[in-house]
C-alpha atoms as a PDB file:
ATOM      1  CA  MET A   1    -113.614  64.791   9.488  1.00  0.00           C
ATOM      2  CA  PRO A   2    -113.120  61.773  11.797  1.00  0.00           C
ATOM      3  CA  ARG A   3    -114.309  58.349  10.697  1.00  0.00           C
ATOM      4  CA  LYS A   4    -117.369  56.868  12.330  1.00  0.00           C
ATOM      5  CA  SER A   5    -116.286  53.837  14.352  1.00  0.00           C
ATOM      6  CA  ILE A   6    -118.288  50.628  14.260  1.00  0.00           C
ATOM      7  CA  ASP A   7    -119.772  49.399  17.527  1.00  0.00           C
ATOM      8  CA  LEU A   8    -118.190  46.026  18.350  1.00  0.00           C
ATOM      9  CA  VAL A   9    -119.696  45.579  21.845  1.00  0.00           C
ATOM     10  CA  GLY A  10    -121.132  42.068  22.197  1.00  0.00           C
ATOM     11  CA  GLN A  11    -119.241  40.665  19.189  1.00  0.00           C
ATOM     12  CA  LYS A  12    -116.893  37.712  19.553  1.00  0.00           C
ATOM     13  CA  PHE A  13    -113.472  37.424  17.895  1.00  0.00           C
ATOM     14  CA  GLY A  14    -111.734  34.096  18.563  1.00  0.00           C
ATOM     15  CA  ASN A  15    -111.730  33.719  22.363  1.00  0.00           C
ATOM     16  CA  LEU A  16    -112.437  37.428  22.927  1.00  0.00           C
ATOM     17  CA  LEU A  17    -115.819  39.005  23.696  1.00  0.00           C
ATOM     18  CA  VAL A  18    -115.885  42.801  23.256  1.00  0.00           C
ATOM     19  CA  VAL A  19    -117.436  44.329  26.404  1.00  0.00           C
ATOM     20  CA  GLU A  20    -116.908  48.103  26.110  1.00  0.00           C
ATOM     21  CA  LEU A  21    -115.298  50.979  24.221  1.00  0.00           C
ATOM     22  CA  VAL A  22    -112.111  52.302  25.871  1.00  0.00           C
ATOM     23  CA  SER A  23    -111.085  55.132  23.527  1.00  0.00           C
ATOM     24  CA  LYS A  24    -112.445  56.382  20.237  1.00  0.00           C
ATOM     25  CA  SER A  25    -110.419  56.861  17.080  1.00  0.00           C
ATOM     26  CA  ASP A  26    -109.580  60.273  15.729  1.00  0.00           C
ATOM     27  CA  GLN A  27    -108.232  59.178  12.347  1.00  0.00           C
ATOM     28  CA  GLY A  28    -109.565  61.705   9.836  1.00  0.00           C
ATOM     29  CA  LYS A  29    -107.658  64.569   8.245  1.00  0.00           C
ATOM     30  CA  GLY A  30    -105.804  66.383  10.979  1.00  0.00           C
ATOM     31  CA  GLY A  31    -106.489  63.530  13.437  1.00  0.00           C
ATOM     32  CA  THR A  32    -103.908  62.035  15.755  1.00  0.00           C
ATOM     33  CA  GLY A  33    -103.894  58.621  14.056  1.00  0.00           C
ATOM     34  CA  LYS A  34    -104.927  56.810  17.242  1.00  0.00           C
ATOM     35  CA  LYS A  35    -107.004  53.673  16.816  1.00  0.00           C
ATOM     36  CA  THR A  36    -110.257  52.753  18.477  1.00  0.00           C
ATOM     37  CA  ILE A  37    -109.515  50.575  21.517  1.00  0.00           C
ATOM     38  CA  TRP A  38    -111.941  48.009  22.963  1.00  0.00           C
ATOM     39  CA  LYS A  39    -111.985  46.246  26.334  1.00  0.00           C
ATOM     40  CA  CYS A  40    -112.376  42.506  25.740  1.00  0.00           C
ATOM     41  CA  LEU A  41    -113.047  39.532  27.996  1.00  0.00           C
ATOM     42  CA  CYS A  42    -111.085  36.412  27.114  1.00  0.00           C
ATOM     43  CA  GLU A  43    -112.536  32.911  27.629  1.00  0.00           C
ATOM     44  CA  CYS A  44    -109.795  32.315  30.225  1.00  0.00           C
ATOM     45  CA  GLY A  45    -111.348  35.100  32.363  1.00  0.00           C
ATOM     46  CA  ASN A  46    -108.735  37.824  31.764  1.00  0.00           C
ATOM     47  CA  PHE A  47    -109.520  41.270  30.389  1.00  0.00           C
ATOM     48  CA  THR A  48    -107.430  42.794  27.618  1.00  0.00           C
ATOM     49  CA  GLN A  49    -107.542  45.779  25.279  1.00  0.00           C
ATOM     50  CA  LYS A  50    -107.430  45.383  21.505  1.00  0.00           C
ATOM     51  CA  ASN A  51    -107.893  47.777  18.604  1.00  0.00           C
ATOM     52  CA  THR A  52    -110.599  47.491  15.941  1.00  0.00           C
ATOM     53  CA  ASN A  53    -108.204  46.603  13.107  1.00  0.00           C
ATOM     54  CA  ASN A  54    -106.618  43.681  14.968  1.00  0.00           C
ATOM     55  CA  LEU A  55    -109.990  42.307  16.051  1.00  0.00           C
ATOM     56  CA  ARG A  56    -111.628  42.521  12.631  1.00  0.00           C
ATOM     57  CA  ALA A  57    -108.558  41.201  10.770  1.00  0.00           C
ATOM     58  CA  GLY A  58    -108.369  38.147  13.066  1.00  0.00           C
ATOM     59  CA  ASN A  59    -104.962  39.092  14.489  1.00  0.00           C
ATOM     60  CA  ALA A  60    -106.307  39.253  18.048  1.00  0.00           C
ATOM     61  CA  LYS A  61    -107.918  36.007  19.177  1.00  0.00           C
ATOM     62  CA  SER A  62    -107.040  35.857  22.873  1.00  0.00           C
ATOM     63  CA  CYS A  63    -105.483  37.852  25.708  1.00  0.00           C
ATOM     64  CA  GLY A  64    -102.244  36.001  25.063  1.00  0.00           C
ATOM     65  CA  CYS A  65    -103.154  32.919  27.069  1.00  0.00           C
ATOM     66  CA  ALA A  66    -103.239  30.831  23.882  1.00  0.00           C
ATOM     67  CA  HIS A  67     -99.534  31.532  23.347  1.00  0.00           C
ATOM     68  CA  GLY A  68     -98.242  31.656  26.919  1.00  0.00           C
ATOM     69  CA  PRO A  69     -96.803  28.974  29.190  1.00  0.00           C
ATOM     70  CA  GLY A  70     -98.929  25.861  29.461  1.00  0.00           C
ATOM     71  CA  ARG A  71    -100.707  26.538  26.141  1.00  0.00           C
ATOM     72  CA  THR A  72     -98.605  24.262  23.960  1.00  0.00           C
ATOM     73  CA  ALA A  73     -99.667  21.381  21.750  1.00  0.00           C
ATOM     74  CA  GLU A  74    -103.303  20.340  22.179  1.00  0.00           C
ATOM     75  CA  LYS A  75    -103.954  23.190  24.637  1.00  0.00           C
ATOM     76  CA  ASN A  76    -103.181  25.823  21.985  1.00  0.00           C
ATOM     77  CA  TRP A  77    -106.127  27.276  20.035  1.00  0.00           C
ATOM     78  CA  ASN A  78    -104.300  26.637  16.741  1.00  0.00           C
ATOM     79  CA  TRP A  79    -103.560  22.921  17.388  1.00  0.00           C
ATOM     80  CA  LYS A  80    -104.133  20.782  14.302  1.00  0.00           C
ATOM     81  CA  GLY A  81    -103.563  17.352  15.798  1.00  0.00           C
ATOM     82  CA  GLY A  82     -99.761  17.364  15.793  1.00  0.00           C
ATOM     83  CA  ARG A  83     -99.584  15.494  12.473  1.00  0.00           C
ATOM     84  CA  VAL A  84     -98.634  17.322   9.257  1.00  0.00           C
ATOM     85  CA  VAL A  85     -97.862  16.060   5.750  1.00  0.00           C
ATOM     86  CA  THR A  86     -94.943  17.946   4.170  1.00  0.00           C
ATOM     87  CA  PRO A  87     -94.973  18.978   0.477  1.00  0.00           C
ATOM     88  CA  ASN A  88     -92.642  16.058  -0.343  1.00  0.00           C
ATOM     89  CA  GLY A  89     -95.045  13.519   1.226  1.00  0.00           C
ATOM     90  CA  TYR A  90     -93.396  12.779   4.582  1.00  0.00           C
ATOM     91  CA  VAL A  91     -95.552  12.806   7.715  1.00  0.00           C
ATOM     92  CA  VAL A  92     -94.175  14.933  10.587  1.00  0.00           C
ATOM     93  CA  VAL A  93     -95.505  14.377  14.118  1.00  0.00           C
ATOM     94  CA  ARG A  94     -95.136  16.309  17.371  1.00  0.00           C
ATOM     95  CA  VAL A  95     -94.087  13.872  20.103  1.00  0.00           C
ATOM     96  CA  GLY A  96     -92.991  14.047  23.708  1.00  0.00           C
ATOM     97  CA  ASP A  97     -91.618  10.537  24.060  1.00  0.00           C
ATOM     98  CA  TYR A  98     -88.911  10.358  21.367  1.00  0.00           C
ATOM     99  CA  PRO A  99     -86.077   8.155  22.646  1.00  0.00           C
ATOM    100  CA  GLY A 100     -83.238  10.287  23.985  1.00  0.00           C
ATOM    101  CA  SER A 101     -85.227  13.543  24.041  1.00  0.00           C
ATOM    102  CA  LYS A 102     -86.502  15.228  27.208  1.00  0.00           C
ATOM    103  CA  LYS A 103     -88.889  17.653  25.464  1.00  0.00           C
ATOM    104  CA  ARG A 104     -91.612  17.682  22.817  1.00  0.00           C
ATOM    105  CA  ILE A 105     -90.119  17.654  19.338  1.00  0.00           C
ATOM    106  CA  SER A 106     -91.305  17.473  15.745  1.00  0.00           C
ATOM    107  CA  VAL A 107     -89.867  14.496  13.896  1.00  0.00           C
ATOM    108  CA  GLY A 108     -90.580  12.475  10.768  1.00  0.00           C
ATOM    109  CA  GLU A 109     -93.157   9.835  11.715  1.00  0.00           C
ATOM    110  CA  HIS A 110     -91.125   7.112   9.961  1.00  0.00           C
ATOM    111  CA  ARG A 111     -88.040   8.028  12.047  1.00  0.00           C
ATOM    112  CA  TYR A 112     -90.150   8.173  15.237  1.00  0.00           C
ATOM    113  CA  ILE A 113     -91.664   4.721  14.615  1.00  0.00           C
ATOM    114  CA  MET A 114     -88.244   3.198  13.853  1.00  0.00           C
ATOM    115  CA  ALA A 115     -86.672   4.793  16.968  1.00  0.00           C
ATOM    116  CA  LYS A 116     -89.511   3.446  19.151  1.00  0.00           C
ATOM    117  CA  HIS A 117     -89.088   0.014  17.539  1.00  0.00           C
ATOM    118  CA  LEU A 118     -85.332   0.037  18.248  1.00  0.00           C
ATOM    119  CA  GLY A 119     -85.785   1.591  21.696  1.00  0.00           C
ATOM    120  CA  ARG A 120     -83.130   4.220  20.995  1.00  0.00           C
ATOM    121  CA  PRO A 121     -82.690   7.393  18.950  1.00  0.00           C
ATOM    122  CA  LEU A 122     -81.395   6.997  15.411  1.00  0.00           C
ATOM    123  CA  ILE A 123     -77.723   7.838  14.963  1.00  0.00           C
ATOM    124  CA  GLU A 124     -76.386  10.393  12.491  1.00  0.00           C
ATOM    125  CA  ASN A 125     -75.649   8.003   9.611  1.00  0.00           C
ATOM    126  CA  GLU A 126     -78.940   6.066   9.851  1.00  0.00           C
ATOM    127  CA  SER A 127     -81.943   6.669   7.638  1.00  0.00           C
ATOM    128  CA  VAL A 128     -85.339   5.013   7.357  1.00  0.00           C
ATOM    129  CA  HIS A 129     -86.449   3.703   3.958  1.00  0.00           C
ATOM    130  CA  HIS A 130     -90.071   3.110   2.896  1.00  0.00           C
ATOM    131  CA  ILE A 131     -90.079  -0.316   1.203  1.00  0.00           C
ATOM    132  CA  ASN A 132     -93.131   0.353  -0.986  1.00  0.00           C
ATOM    133  CA  GLY A 133     -92.061   3.935  -1.790  1.00  0.00           C
ATOM    134  CA  ASP A 134     -95.142   5.497  -0.119  1.00  0.00           C
ATOM    135  CA  ARG A 135     -93.790   8.112   2.308  1.00  0.00           C
ATOM    136  CA  GLY A 136     -97.133   8.245   4.102  1.00  0.00           C
ATOM    137  CA  ASP A 137     -97.199   4.493   4.829  1.00  0.00           C
ATOM    138  CA  ASN A 138     -95.353   4.362   8.152  1.00  0.00           C
ATOM    139  CA  ARG A 139     -96.236   0.859   9.306  1.00  0.00           C
ATOM    140  CA  ILE A 140     -93.181  -0.839  10.822  1.00  0.00           C
ATOM    141  CA  GLU A 141     -93.547  -3.639   8.228  1.00  0.00           C
ATOM    142  CA  ASN A 142     -92.969  -1.035   5.494  1.00  0.00           C
ATOM    143  CA  LEU A 143     -89.873   0.521   7.087  1.00  0.00           C
ATOM    144  CA  GLU A 144     -86.222  -0.511   6.772  1.00  0.00           C
ATOM    145  CA  LEU A 145     -83.270   0.886   8.683  1.00  0.00           C
ATOM    146  CA  TRP A 146     -80.456   1.947   6.351  1.00  0.00           C
ATOM    147  CA  SER A 147     -76.930   2.976   7.281  1.00  0.00           C
ATOM    148  CA  SER A 148     -74.454   4.991   5.206  1.00  0.00           C
ATOM    149  CA  SER A 149     -71.558   4.280   7.576  1.00  0.00           C
ATOM    150  CA  GLN A 150     -68.251   3.195   6.114  1.00  0.00           C
ATOM    151  CA  PRO A 151     -64.639   3.252   7.263  1.00  0.00           C
ATOM    152  CA  ALA A 152     -62.523   6.280   6.397  1.00  0.00           C
ATOM    153  CA  GLY A 153     -59.530   4.214   5.223  1.00  0.00           C
ATOM    154  CA  GLN A 154     -59.258   1.090   3.112  1.00  0.00           C
ATOM    155  CA  ARG A 155     -56.676  -0.836   5.135  1.00  0.00           C
ATOM    156  CA  VAL A 156     -57.807  -4.283   6.217  1.00  0.00           C
ATOM    157  CA  ALA A 157     -57.310  -3.422   9.888  1.00  0.00           C
ATOM    158  CA  ASP A 158     -59.619  -0.403   9.484  1.00  0.00           C
ATOM    159  CA  LYS A 159     -62.293  -2.496   7.755  1.00  0.00           C
ATOM    160  CA  VAL A 160     -62.149  -5.179  10.467  1.00  0.00           C
ATOM    161  CA  LYS A 161     -62.458  -2.543  13.198  1.00  0.00           C
ATOM    162  CA  TRP A 162     -65.422  -0.979  11.362  1.00  0.00           C
ATOM    163  CA  ALA A 163     -67.082  -4.389  10.873  1.00  0.00           C
ATOM    164  CA  ARG A 164     -66.811  -5.133  14.602  1.00  0.00           C
ATOM    165  CA  GLU A 165     -68.371  -1.754  15.443  1.00  0.00           C
ATOM    166  CA  ILE A 166     -71.257  -2.391  13.027  1.00  0.00           C
ATOM    167  CA  LEU A 167     -71.854  -5.889  14.442  1.00  0.00           C
ATOM    168  CA  LYS A 168     -71.789  -4.550  17.984  1.00  0.00           C
ATOM    169  CA  LEU A 169     -74.288  -1.800  17.088  1.00  0.00           C
ATOM    170  CA  TYR A 170     -76.770  -3.902  15.078  1.00  0.00           C
ATOM    171  CA  ASP A 171     -76.366  -7.478  16.380  1.00  0.00           C
ATOM    172  CA  SER A 172     -79.467  -8.359  18.361  1.00  0.00           C
END
């Protein structure tokens, strides 16, 4: 015996408003296993078809416009401000103006602030240290630039060459 389908017409799921039944389920014993399909109107003005399970479970929230081109960052329905605290306490931000990058990237806020302060991207052997130990305190006064660079050899000529490179890089 086929299941009785629930009438979803007029109900709203995310950005979708259910407007009419398209096809009815036939899922009982001996049924075809097809799902009940609903015609939905998205807030963007497009129509789409979604099944009952996806609507009720929250898997269908838009016609796809929320995930398509032009729906990134603050335009996406799932945007949370672009600022997230990781389990180890670092703050990660989504930025479009990181020095040396031409696209929006996610980066540690402490690294972003230091790069903006320096006016250049950080190089591979540079790290940013929180002076007071609080990884969430990303004021420039609380950040120090650290470098783990060192010469490969121990000859005096190598050390002098390395020292000149370091002075050239960091001398203001």
